[in-house]
């Protein structure tokens, strides 16, 4: 039986065919090796990198299955649909054979392969401007680093490729798990090199939905914050670098205080190209059947009309009661983000944060919502977290207070006088984590926040203090230390159990 790897074939997806594979070329096909001839060819390939992010199997709006539904924010009570596989993520019963997990893995590596193809061929093209070439290279490295950053936090040790794969033998050589530290080194290298380009500070100075120095700084800062919080050595240095890069991103903002931007404006479809809080977003096209956003209609519960004109028939994206209870009294974000659906077939809280009730979206629900990956409230709270680790609590609290002020809440010092608040969030660390939860709910940040702030055992303890009644059908009791990481997809593991070793507990 011929040995084959799923990963190598993913890596080969955008690579050229070897001569011994086919003796004749398809006259209607263009191989990668024959594609890159002009600046415009490179531009189209760069556009393809951003297009790959739109997929729900990578980082697009429906990728919440791989992030938010893993956390204590949202999920689903339906454990029957699609063989119950989506339910496994929130139920902590995820199996290596889960086909959604395999699809996510494959789609992420296919997107990484696109980046590698661009970077492997860009030198073959003659550019009229060295700065333009550098800008395209920076964008490809930013997207690749972003993809790897998501993967390494979910799976731990993972295969790492930075070159175009041109043969099955080369693919086989690359199909082994490299240590997290090695992957992080490559992520930092890509982002640091991308910063040396002439990309403008903001996407508004370039193209909405494309990389900018603010976005690169923000991700690089989060990378160092993650390393500082999760690695056993070098934490002080990593926290200092996290502060450096996050502050650089923050200083690139084009507004003063956060309360200059109403919370609702951040998610207003009509303001998505002008809102000063948005740092990097994945774009969707309103009214277009193929490129529109479906998050507003998909998240709407039966009998409701707040999100979309589409006639919903399901329960929408279910918000966990545990999160609903975590909103403080008078927090304006609660009324904007969640609503109780009284329909007898729902009778649950659903997500209302993403809305498009416009004529252009219509009854089909072809919305114009962009999927926000980075915004300034996120950057500010990450910066507050870094400053807290460095003992700069006064500066951390000042950033925290800006976020709370916009939400209509009292300052941190005043809140700590409240017995209920102080008992729930006794430390500044817990207060920042709470603020990130309610500020960024349903934006695919919560799971990463949890695994950055808690060890595997602390994560188990945290979940088991929760009330099962507030968590729906997903069983909190299922969680164990193995759930810090996702399993390696079974098809990847079984073809080379030594080099593609499984994560413990699976």
Protein backbone atom coordinates (compact mmCIF):
# COMPACT_ATOMS: atom_id res chain seq x y z
CA UNK A 1 0.00 0.00 0.00
CA UNK A 2 1.45 3.35 -1.02
CA UNK A 3 2.13 5.68 1.89
CA UNK A 4 0.47 9.09 1.63
CA UNK A 5 0.03 12.14 3.85
CA UNK A 6 -2.88 14.52 3.97
CA UNK A 7 -0.63 17.39 5.00
CA UNK A 8 1.77 17.01 2.06
CA UNK A 9 -1.10 17.03 -0.39
CA UNK A 10 -2.42 20.19 1.23
CA UNK A 11 1.01 21.75 0.93
CA UNK A 12 1.16 20.65 -2.67
CA UNK A 13 -2.25 22.06 -3.53
CA UNK A 14 -0.88 25.20 -5.12
CA UNK A 15 2.45 23.80 -6.24
CA UNK A 16 3.54 22.90 -9.73
CA UNK A 17 3.31 19.35 -11.04
CA UNK A 18 6.53 17.38 -11.28
CA UNK A 19 7.52 16.03 -14.69
CA UNK A 20 7.20 12.42 -13.65
CA UNK A 21 3.62 12.97 -12.49
CA UNK A 22 2.24 13.96 -15.90
CA UNK A 23 4.08 13.83 -19.19
CA UNK A 24 1.72 16.31 -20.78
CA UNK A 25 0.51 19.68 -19.60
CA UNK A 26 -3.14 20.61 -19.64
CA UNK A 27 -3.25 23.45 -22.23
CA UNK A 28 -6.11 25.08 -20.29
CA UNK A 29 -4.29 25.09 -16.95
CA UNK A 30 -1.65 27.45 -15.59
CA UNK A 31 0.80 26.04 -13.06
CA UNK A 32 2.26 28.13 -10.28
CA UNK A 33 5.66 28.09 -11.95
CA UNK A 34 4.17 29.65 -15.08
CA UNK A 35 1.88 32.11 -13.35
CA UNK A 36 4.03 34.91 -11.92
CA UNK A 37 4.95 37.17 -14.85
CA UNK A 38 3.92 40.70 -13.87
CA UNK A 39 3.23 43.00 -10.93
CA UNK A 40 -0.48 42.46 -11.49
CA UNK A 41 -0.03 38.69 -11.20
CA UNK A 42 1.52 39.22 -7.78
CA UNK A 43 -1.29 41.60 -6.79
CA UNK A 44 -3.91 39.02 -7.74
CA UNK A 45 -2.04 36.37 -5.75
CA UNK A 46 -1.94 38.70 -2.72
CA UNK A 47 -5.66 39.28 -3.09
CA UNK A 48 -6.01 35.50 -3.05
CA UNK A 49 -4.30 35.38 0.36
CA UNK A 50 -6.92 37.67 1.84
CA UNK A 51 -9.66 35.74 0.06
CA UNK A 52 -8.48 32.57 1.79
CA UNK A 53 -9.12 34.24 5.16
CA UNK A 54 -12.81 34.69 4.32
CA UNK A 55 -13.52 30.99 4.66
CA UNK A 56 -15.21 29.76 7.81
CA UNK A 57 -12.75 26.89 7.70
CA UNK A 58 -9.88 29.35 8.22
CA UNK A 59 -10.46 32.68 10.03
CA UNK A 60 -13.71 33.97 8.52
CA UNK A 61 -16.94 34.80 10.32
CA UNK A 62 -18.14 31.21 10.73
CA UNK A 63 -14.83 30.04 12.20
CA UNK A 64 -16.35 30.65 15.64
CA UNK A 65 -16.71 26.87 15.89
CA UNK A 66 -12.94 26.64 16.38
CA UNK A 67 -12.69 29.51 18.86
CA UNK A 68 -15.73 31.01 20.55
CA UNK A 69 -17.69 27.76 20.76
CA UNK A 70 -14.73 26.14 22.48
CA UNK A 71 -15.00 28.72 25.25
CA UNK A 72 -17.62 29.60 27.84
CA UNK A 73 -19.18 32.33 25.68
CA UNK A 74 -21.27 30.51 23.08
CA UNK A 75 -22.03 27.13 21.63
CA UNK A 76 -24.89 24.93 20.63
CA UNK A 77 -27.28 22.68 22.49
CA UNK A 78 -27.93 20.52 19.44
CA UNK A 79 -25.84 17.38 19.83
CA UNK A 80 -27.48 15.55 16.90
CA UNK A 81 -26.99 17.64 13.74
CA UNK A 82 -24.05 16.72 11.50
CA UNK A 83 -23.45 13.58 13.55
CA UNK A 84 -22.96 15.76 16.62
CA UNK A 85 -19.47 16.75 15.47
CA UNK A 86 -19.83 20.54 15.93
CA UNK A 87 -21.18 19.91 19.44
CA UNK A 88 -17.91 18.15 20.38
CA UNK A 89 -15.98 21.43 20.48
CA UNK A 90 -18.01 22.98 23.30
CA UNK A 91 -18.70 19.66 25.02
CA UNK A 92 -14.99 18.92 25.47
CA UNK A 93 -15.56 15.60 23.72
CA UNK A 94 -13.56 16.46 20.60
CA UNK A 95 -12.29 13.40 18.74
CA UNK A 96 -9.23 13.25 16.46
CA UNK A 97 -11.56 11.85 13.79
CA UNK A 98 -13.79 14.95 13.83
CA UNK A 99 -14.23 15.98 10.19
CA UNK A 100 -14.64 19.69 11.06
CA UNK A 101 -11.29 19.60 12.81
CA UNK A 102 -9.68 17.97 9.78
CA UNK A 103 -11.24 20.56 7.45
CA UNK A 104 -9.92 23.41 9.58
CA UNK A 105 -6.41 21.93 9.62
CA UNK A 106 -6.39 21.38 5.86
CA UNK A 107 -7.84 24.81 5.02
CA UNK A 108 -5.32 26.60 7.23
CA UNK A 109 -2.39 24.80 5.62
CA UNK A 110 -3.81 25.42 2.16
CA UNK A 111 -3.88 29.15 2.97
CA UNK A 112 -0.31 28.97 4.30
CA UNK A 113 0.67 27.24 1.05
CA UNK A 114 -0.68 30.22 -0.90
CA UNK A 115 1.58 32.52 1.11
CA UNK A 116 4.57 30.28 0.47
CA UNK A 117 3.86 30.23 -3.27
CA UNK A 118 3.84 34.03 -3.45
CA UNK A 119 7.03 34.38 -1.45
CA UNK A 120 8.77 31.68 -3.50
CA UNK A 121 8.05 33.38 -6.85
CA UNK A 122 7.96 37.12 -6.13
CA UNK A 123 11.65 37.53 -7.00
CA UNK A 124 10.96 36.27 -10.53
CA UNK A 125 8.88 39.36 -11.32
CA UNK A 126 10.37 42.69 -12.36
CA UNK A 127 8.80 45.51 -10.38
CA UNK A 128 8.75 49.16 -11.35
CA UNK A 129 9.02 49.99 -7.65
CA UNK A 130 11.08 48.18 -5.02
CA UNK A 131 8.75 49.60 -2.38
CA UNK A 132 5.72 47.96 -4.01
CA UNK A 133 7.49 44.63 -4.07
CA UNK A 134 8.42 45.02 -0.41
CA UNK A 135 4.82 45.84 0.43
CA UNK A 136 3.52 42.68 -1.22
CA UNK A 137 6.14 40.57 0.54
CA UNK A 138 5.18 42.13 3.86
CA UNK A 139 1.50 41.33 3.29
CA UNK A 140 2.26 37.69 2.47
CA UNK A 141 4.39 37.35 5.60
CA UNK A 142 1.74 39.00 7.75
CA UNK A 143 -0.98 36.60 6.55
CA UNK A 144 1.30 33.58 6.98
CA UNK A 145 2.26 34.64 10.50
CA UNK A 146 -1.40 35.22 11.40
CA UNK A 147 -2.35 31.72 10.22
CA UNK A 148 0.51 30.04 12.07
CA UNK A 149 -0.28 32.03 15.23
CA UNK A 150 -3.81 30.65 15.25
CA UNK A 151 -2.60 27.11 14.57
CA UNK A 152 0.17 26.96 17.17
CA UNK A 153 -2.14 28.16 19.93
CA UNK A 154 -4.72 25.51 19.09
CA UNK A 155 -2.54 22.50 18.36
CA UNK A 156 0.83 23.20 19.99
CA UNK A 157 3.65 21.58 18.01
CA UNK A 158 2.75 21.70 14.31
CA UNK A 159 4.38 21.17 10.89
CA UNK A 160 6.16 24.27 9.63
CA UNK A 161 6.79 25.13 6.00
CA UNK A 162 7.98 28.46 4.60
CA UNK A 163 8.76 27.36 1.04
CA UNK A 164 6.72 26.24 -1.92
CA UNK A 165 6.56 22.45 -2.00
CA UNK A 166 7.35 21.09 -5.45
CA UNK A 167 7.54 17.33 -4.88
CA UNK A 168 5.95 14.62 -2.81
CA UNK A 169 9.36 13.78 -1.36
CA UNK A 170 9.83 17.36 -0.17
CA UNK A 171 6.34 17.36 1.30
CA UNK A 172 7.07 14.15 3.18
CA UNK A 173 10.21 15.70 4.65
CA UNK A 174 8.19 18.65 5.97
CA UNK A 175 5.35 16.56 7.40
CA UNK A 176 6.47 16.46 11.02
CA UNK A 177 5.55 18.43 14.11
CA UNK A 178 8.00 21.15 15.07
CA UNK A 179 8.17 22.49 18.61
CA UNK A 180 6.02 25.48 19.52
CA UNK A 181 9.15 27.55 20.15
CA UNK A 182 10.34 26.99 16.57
CA UNK A 183 6.96 27.99 15.15
CA UNK A 184 6.90 31.13 17.29
CA UNK A 185 10.38 32.05 16.08
CA UNK A 186 9.12 31.94 12.49
CA UNK A 187 6.00 33.96 13.36
CA UNK A 188 8.14 36.66 14.98
CA UNK A 189 10.56 36.63 12.05
CA UNK A 190 7.74 37.11 9.52
CA UNK A 191 6.10 39.91 11.48
CA UNK A 192 9.34 41.71 12.27
CA UNK A 193 10.38 41.63 8.61
CA UNK A 194 6.93 42.81 7.55
CA UNK A 195 7.35 45.86 9.80
CA UNK A 196 10.44 46.89 7.85
CA UNK A 197 8.36 47.49 4.71
CA UNK A 198 6.78 50.76 3.65
CA UNK A 199 3.27 49.65 4.57
CA UNK A 200 1.33 52.62 5.98
CA UNK A 201 0.32 52.77 9.62
CA UNK A 202 -3.38 52.13 9.01
CA UNK A 203 -5.46 50.18 6.52
CA UNK A 204 -7.29 53.40 5.66
CA UNK A 205 -4.02 54.76 4.30
CA UNK A 206 -3.69 51.66 2.11
CA UNK A 207 -6.69 49.42 1.44
CA UNK A 208 -9.45 48.46 3.88
CA UNK A 209 -9.05 44.81 4.76
CA UNK A 210 -5.31 44.71 4.02
CA UNK A 211 -2.29 44.62 6.30
CA UNK A 212 -0.91 47.76 7.95
CA UNK A 213 1.82 48.48 10.46
CA UNK A 214 -0.81 48.93 13.18
CA UNK A 215 -2.11 45.42 12.48
CA UNK A 216 1.37 43.92 12.38
CA UNK A 217 2.34 45.60 15.65
CA UNK A 218 -0.88 44.42 17.28
CA UNK A 219 -0.35 40.77 16.33
CA UNK A 220 3.34 40.87 17.21
CA UNK A 221 2.47 42.33 20.60
CA UNK A 222 -0.07 39.57 21.20
CA UNK A 223 2.51 36.96 20.19
CA UNK A 224 4.95 38.24 22.79
CA UNK A 225 2.19 38.52 25.40
CA UNK A 226 1.27 34.88 24.75
CA UNK A 227 4.91 33.80 25.05
CA UNK A 228 5.35 35.76 28.26
CA UNK A 229 2.28 34.21 29.82
CA UNK A 230 2.78 30.60 28.66
CA UNK A 231 6.52 29.94 28.36
CA UNK A 232 8.67 28.94 31.31
CA UNK A 233 11.53 31.36 30.62
CA UNK A 234 12.05 34.90 29.38
CA UNK A 235 8.68 36.14 30.60
CA UNK A 236 9.87 39.61 31.64
CA UNK A 237 11.56 40.21 28.29
CA UNK A 238 8.51 38.94 26.39
CA UNK A 239 6.13 41.13 28.39
CA UNK A 240 8.35 44.14 27.72
CA UNK A 241 8.28 43.44 23.99
CA UNK A 242 4.52 42.89 24.15
CA UNK A 243 4.15 46.33 25.70
CA UNK A 244 6.47 47.84 23.07
CA UNK A 245 4.59 46.53 20.05
CA UNK A 246 1.08 46.91 21.45
CA UNK A 247 1.87 50.48 22.43
CA UNK A 248 3.22 51.10 18.92
CA UNK A 249 -0.10 49.88 17.49
CA UNK A 250 -2.06 51.99 19.98
CA UNK A 251 -0.11 55.14 19.14
CA UNK A 252 -1.07 54.70 15.48
CA UNK A 253 -4.76 55.27 16.26
CA UNK A 254 -6.40 58.29 14.63
CA UNK A 255 -8.70 59.18 17.53
CA UNK A 256 -8.22 60.41 21.08
CA UNK A 257 -10.17 58.48 23.72
CA UNK A 258 -12.15 55.35 22.97
CA UNK A 259 -15.48 56.88 23.96
CA UNK A 260 -15.29 59.08 20.86
CA UNK A 261 -16.44 55.97 18.98
CA UNK A 262 -19.87 54.62 20.08
CA UNK A 263 -19.85 50.88 20.64
CA UNK A 264 -22.60 50.30 18.08
CA UNK A 265 -20.58 52.12 15.42
CA UNK A 266 -17.91 49.41 15.54
CA UNK A 267 -20.41 46.93 14.07
CA UNK A 268 -22.42 49.32 11.91
CA UNK A 269 -22.33 48.02 8.32
CA UNK A 270 -22.62 51.56 6.95
CA UNK A 271 -19.51 52.65 8.88
CA UNK A 272 -17.25 49.65 8.37
CA UNK A 273 -14.94 51.54 6.01
CA UNK A 274 -14.73 54.65 8.16
CA UNK A 275 -14.81 53.49 11.79
CA UNK A 276 -11.53 54.59 13.38
CA UNK A 277 -11.47 51.69 15.83
CA UNK A 278 -11.04 48.99 13.18
CA UNK A 279 -7.44 47.89 12.61
CA UNK A 280 -7.89 44.83 10.40
CA UNK A 281 -11.02 43.16 9.07
CA UNK A 282 -12.05 40.49 6.58
CA UNK A 283 -14.35 42.06 4.03
CA UNK A 284 -17.72 40.81 2.82
CA UNK A 285 -19.90 42.36 0.10
CA UNK A 286 -23.44 43.36 0.95
CA UNK A 287 -26.17 42.04 -1.35
CA UNK A 288 -23.87 39.66 -3.20
CA UNK A 289 -24.97 36.02 -3.06
CA UNK A 290 -21.41 34.70 -3.24
CA UNK A 291 -19.43 37.24 -1.24
CA UNK A 292 -21.93 38.53 1.31
CA UNK A 293 -21.86 37.95 5.04
CA UNK A 294 -24.34 35.47 6.48
CA UNK A 295 -23.55 36.07 10.14
CA UNK A 296 -26.54 38.35 10.82
CA UNK A 297 -29.09 35.86 9.49
CA UNK A 298 -27.34 32.76 10.83
CA UNK A 299 -27.11 34.19 14.33
CA UNK A 300 -30.80 35.20 14.45
CA UNK A 301 -33.23 33.05 16.39
CA UNK A 302 -36.66 31.92 15.24
CA UNK A 303 -39.31 34.62 15.67
CA UNK A 304 -36.77 37.47 15.86
CA UNK A 305 -36.04 40.30 13.43
CA UNK A 306 -33.29 42.30 15.14
CA UNK A 307 -30.37 40.93 13.09
CA UNK A 308 -31.77 40.47 9.62
CA UNK A 309 -34.90 40.44 7.46
CA UNK A 310 -34.24 36.79 6.81
CA UNK A 311 -36.90 34.53 8.32
CA UNK A 312 -34.88 32.49 10.79
CA UNK A 313 -35.95 28.92 11.51
CA UNK A 314 -33.35 27.88 14.10
CA UNK A 315 -31.98 28.97 17.45
CA UNK A 316 -29.18 31.14 16.07
CA UNK A 317 -25.82 31.30 17.78
CA UNK A 318 -26.58 30.48 21.41
CA UNK A 319 -24.98 32.73 24.03
CA UNK A 320 -24.14 30.86 27.21
CA UNK A 321 -26.07 32.03 30.26
CA UNK A 322 -22.72 32.09 32.06
CA UNK A 323 -21.69 34.98 29.79
CA UNK A 324 -25.05 36.75 30.01
CA UNK A 325 -24.71 36.82 33.79
CA UNK A 326 -21.18 38.21 33.53
CA UNK A 327 -22.36 41.54 32.12
CA UNK A 328 -22.51 44.18 34.84
CA UNK A 329 -25.65 46.19 35.48
CA UNK A 330 -26.00 49.12 33.04
CA UNK A 331 -23.39 47.71 30.64
CA UNK A 332 -24.63 48.95 27.25
CA UNK A 333 -22.77 46.10 25.53
CA UNK A 334 -25.22 43.54 26.89
CA UNK A 335 -28.30 45.02 25.21
CA UNK A 336 -26.40 45.34 21.96
CA UNK A 337 -24.77 41.91 21.98
CA UNK A 338 -27.39 39.42 23.22
CA UNK A 339 -31.17 39.03 23.38
CA UNK A 340 -33.53 36.43 24.80
CA UNK A 341 -35.65 34.66 22.18
CA UNK A 342 -38.98 33.78 23.75
CA UNK A 343 -40.10 31.51 20.91
CA UNK A 344 -41.08 28.18 22.48
CA UNK A 345 -38.76 26.32 20.13
CA UNK A 346 -35.83 28.51 21.20
CA UNK A 347 -36.35 29.89 24.71
CA UNK A 348 -32.71 30.90 24.93
CA UNK A 349 -30.27 33.79 24.52
CA UNK A 350 -28.91 34.44 21.04
CA UNK A 351 -26.26 36.75 19.58
CA UNK A 352 -27.34 40.15 18.23
CA UNK A 353 -23.94 41.82 17.90
CA UNK A 354 -23.78 41.45 14.12
CA UNK A 355 -26.71 43.03 12.28
CA UNK A 356 -27.74 43.97 8.78
CA UNK A 357 -31.41 44.78 8.38
CA UNK A 358 -30.88 46.84 5.24
CA UNK A 359 -32.75 46.81 1.95
CA UNK A 360 -29.52 45.70 0.26
CA UNK A 361 -29.25 42.60 2.45
CA UNK A 362 -32.96 41.93 1.98
CA UNK A 363 -34.92 38.87 3.00
CA UNK A 364 -32.12 36.62 1.75
CA UNK A 365 -29.90 37.99 4.48
CA UNK A 366 -26.99 38.77 2.14
CA UNK A 367 -25.35 41.05 4.69
CA UNK A 368 -22.43 43.43 4.53
CA UNK A 369 -20.86 42.73 7.92
CA UNK A 370 -17.07 42.60 7.87
CA UNK A 371 -15.43 40.13 10.23
CA UNK A 372 -13.22 42.14 12.59
CA UNK A 373 -9.92 40.49 13.51
CA UNK A 374 -8.25 43.45 15.24
CA UNK A 375 -9.74 46.60 16.80
CA UNK A 376 -8.42 49.14 19.24
CA UNK A 377 -10.39 48.08 22.33
CA UNK A 378 -8.75 44.68 21.88
CA UNK A 379 -5.30 46.29 21.53
CA UNK A 380 -5.88 48.49 24.60
CA UNK A 381 -6.90 45.60 26.82
CA UNK A 382 -3.97 43.48 25.61
CA UNK A 383 -1.70 46.42 26.40
CA UNK A 384 -3.28 46.72 29.84
CA UNK A 385 -2.58 43.02 30.38
CA UNK A 386 1.07 43.46 29.38
CA UNK A 387 1.47 46.49 31.66
CA UNK A 388 -0.05 44.59 34.57
CA UNK A 389 2.50 41.81 34.10
CA UNK A 390 5.23 44.48 34.19
CA UNK A 391 3.91 45.96 37.44
CA UNK A 392 2.56 49.11 35.76
CA UNK A 393 -0.91 48.77 37.24
CA UNK A 394 -1.81 52.48 37.16
CA UNK A 395 -1.18 52.58 33.40
CA UNK A 396 -3.08 49.31 32.93
CA UNK A 397 -6.07 50.64 34.86
CA UNK A 398 -6.12 53.85 32.79
CA UNK A 399 -6.57 51.77 29.64
CA UNK A 400 -9.14 49.52 31.32
CA UNK A 401 -11.11 52.57 32.43
CA UNK A 402 -11.36 53.90 28.86
CA UNK A 403 -13.07 50.69 27.78
CA UNK A 404 -15.37 50.70 30.80
CA UNK A 405 -16.26 54.38 30.33
CA UNK A 406 -17.50 53.77 26.79
CA UNK A 407 -19.62 50.87 28.07
CA UNK A 408 -21.32 53.21 30.56
CA UNK A 409 -19.61 51.65 33.58
CA UNK A 410 -17.81 53.20 36.56
CA UNK A 411 -14.04 53.25 36.81
CA UNK A 412 -12.15 50.22 38.07
CA UNK A 413 -11.44 51.93 41.40
CA UNK A 414 -15.13 52.68 41.91
CA UNK A 415 -16.17 49.20 40.80
CA UNK A 416 -13.82 47.65 43.36
CA UNK A 417 -15.84 49.36 46.09
CA UNK A 418 -18.76 47.18 45.02
CA UNK A 419 -18.73 43.93 47.00
CA UNK A 420 -20.16 41.86 44.14
CA UNK A 421 -17.61 43.10 41.59
CA UNK A 422 -14.71 42.71 44.01
CA UNK A 423 -15.70 39.15 44.89
CA UNK A 424 -16.02 38.11 41.23
CA UNK A 425 -12.85 39.85 40.02
CA UNK A 426 -10.60 40.17 43.08
CA UNK A 427 -7.44 40.88 41.09
CA UNK A 428 -6.61 43.24 38.24
CA UNK A 429 -5.77 40.22 36.09
CA UNK A 430 -9.29 38.88 36.51
CA UNK A 431 -10.82 42.32 35.94
CA UNK A 432 -8.99 42.70 32.62
CA UNK A 433 -9.97 39.18 31.58
CA UNK A 434 -13.59 39.92 32.45
CA UNK A 435 -13.50 43.17 30.47
CA UNK A 436 -12.11 41.39 27.44
CA UNK A 437 -14.87 38.82 27.72
CA UNK A 438 -17.78 41.27 27.62
CA UNK A 439 -16.13 43.76 25.26
CA UNK A 440 -15.02 41.19 22.67
CA UNK A 441 -17.74 38.55 23.11
CA UNK A 442 -18.29 36.42 19.97
CA UNK A 443 -15.22 37.90 18.22
CA UNK A 444 -13.04 34.76 18.53
CA UNK A 445 -10.85 36.06 21.34
CA UNK A 446 -12.19 34.27 24.40
CA UNK A 447 -10.57 30.84 24.00
CA UNK A 448 -7.18 32.40 23.33
CA UNK A 449 -7.62 34.66 26.37
CA UNK A 450 -8.37 31.66 28.57
CA UNK A 451 -5.42 29.53 27.46
CA UNK A 452 -3.09 32.54 27.75
CA UNK A 453 -4.17 33.32 31.31
CA UNK A 454 -4.62 29.81 32.72
CA UNK A 455 -2.46 26.72 32.75
CA UNK A 456 -4.09 23.46 31.65
CA UNK A 457 -4.94 22.55 35.23
CA UNK A 458 -6.15 26.05 36.07
CA UNK A 459 -8.37 25.92 32.99
CA UNK A 460 -9.99 22.71 34.25
CA UNK A 461 -10.50 24.26 37.69
CA UNK A 462 -11.97 27.41 36.13
CA UNK A 463 -14.57 25.55 34.09
CA UNK A 464 -15.53 23.20 36.90
CA UNK A 465 -16.44 26.12 39.16
CA UNK A 466 -19.22 27.01 36.71
CA UNK A 467 -22.84 25.97 37.05
CA UNK A 468 -23.87 23.29 34.58
CA UNK A 469 -27.29 24.95 34.42
CA UNK A 470 -25.63 28.03 32.86
CA UNK A 471 -23.79 25.98 30.28
CA UNK A 472 -26.57 24.20 28.39
CA UNK A 473 -26.27 20.63 27.14
CA UNK A 474 -22.49 20.74 26.84
CA UNK A 475 -21.03 19.00 29.90
CA UNK A 476 -18.48 20.92 31.92
CA UNK A 477 -17.50 17.68 33.65
CA UNK A 478 -15.93 16.44 30.41
CA UNK A 479 -13.05 18.91 30.53
CA UNK A 480 -9.57 17.69 31.43
CA UNK A 481 -6.03 18.97 31.03
CA UNK A 482 -5.86 17.43 27.54
CA UNK A 483 -8.36 20.05 26.32
CA UNK A 484 -5.74 22.80 26.47
CA UNK A 485 -4.84 21.64 22.94
CA UNK A 486 -6.89 20.26 20.09
CA UNK A 487 -6.06 16.76 18.89
CA UNK A 488 -4.03 16.31 15.74
CA UNK A 489 -6.48 15.12 13.04
CA UNK A 490 -6.47 11.34 13.01
CA UNK A 491 -5.61 11.02 9.32
CA UNK A 492 -2.49 13.10 9.88
CA UNK A 493 -1.42 11.15 12.94
CA UNK A 494 -2.05 7.62 11.69
CA UNK A 495 0.20 7.93 8.63
CA UNK A 496 3.26 8.73 10.74
CA UNK A 497 2.57 8.27 14.48
CA UNK A 498 6.20 9.04 15.29
CA UNK A 499 6.69 12.36 13.52
CA UNK A 500 3.04 13.41 13.73
CA UNK A 501 2.61 12.28 17.34
CA UNK A 502 -0.75 12.83 18.97
CA UNK A 503 -1.35 15.36 21.74
CA UNK A 504 -1.57 13.73 25.18
CA UNK A 505 -4.95 12.40 26.25
CA UNK A 506 -6.40 11.77 22.79
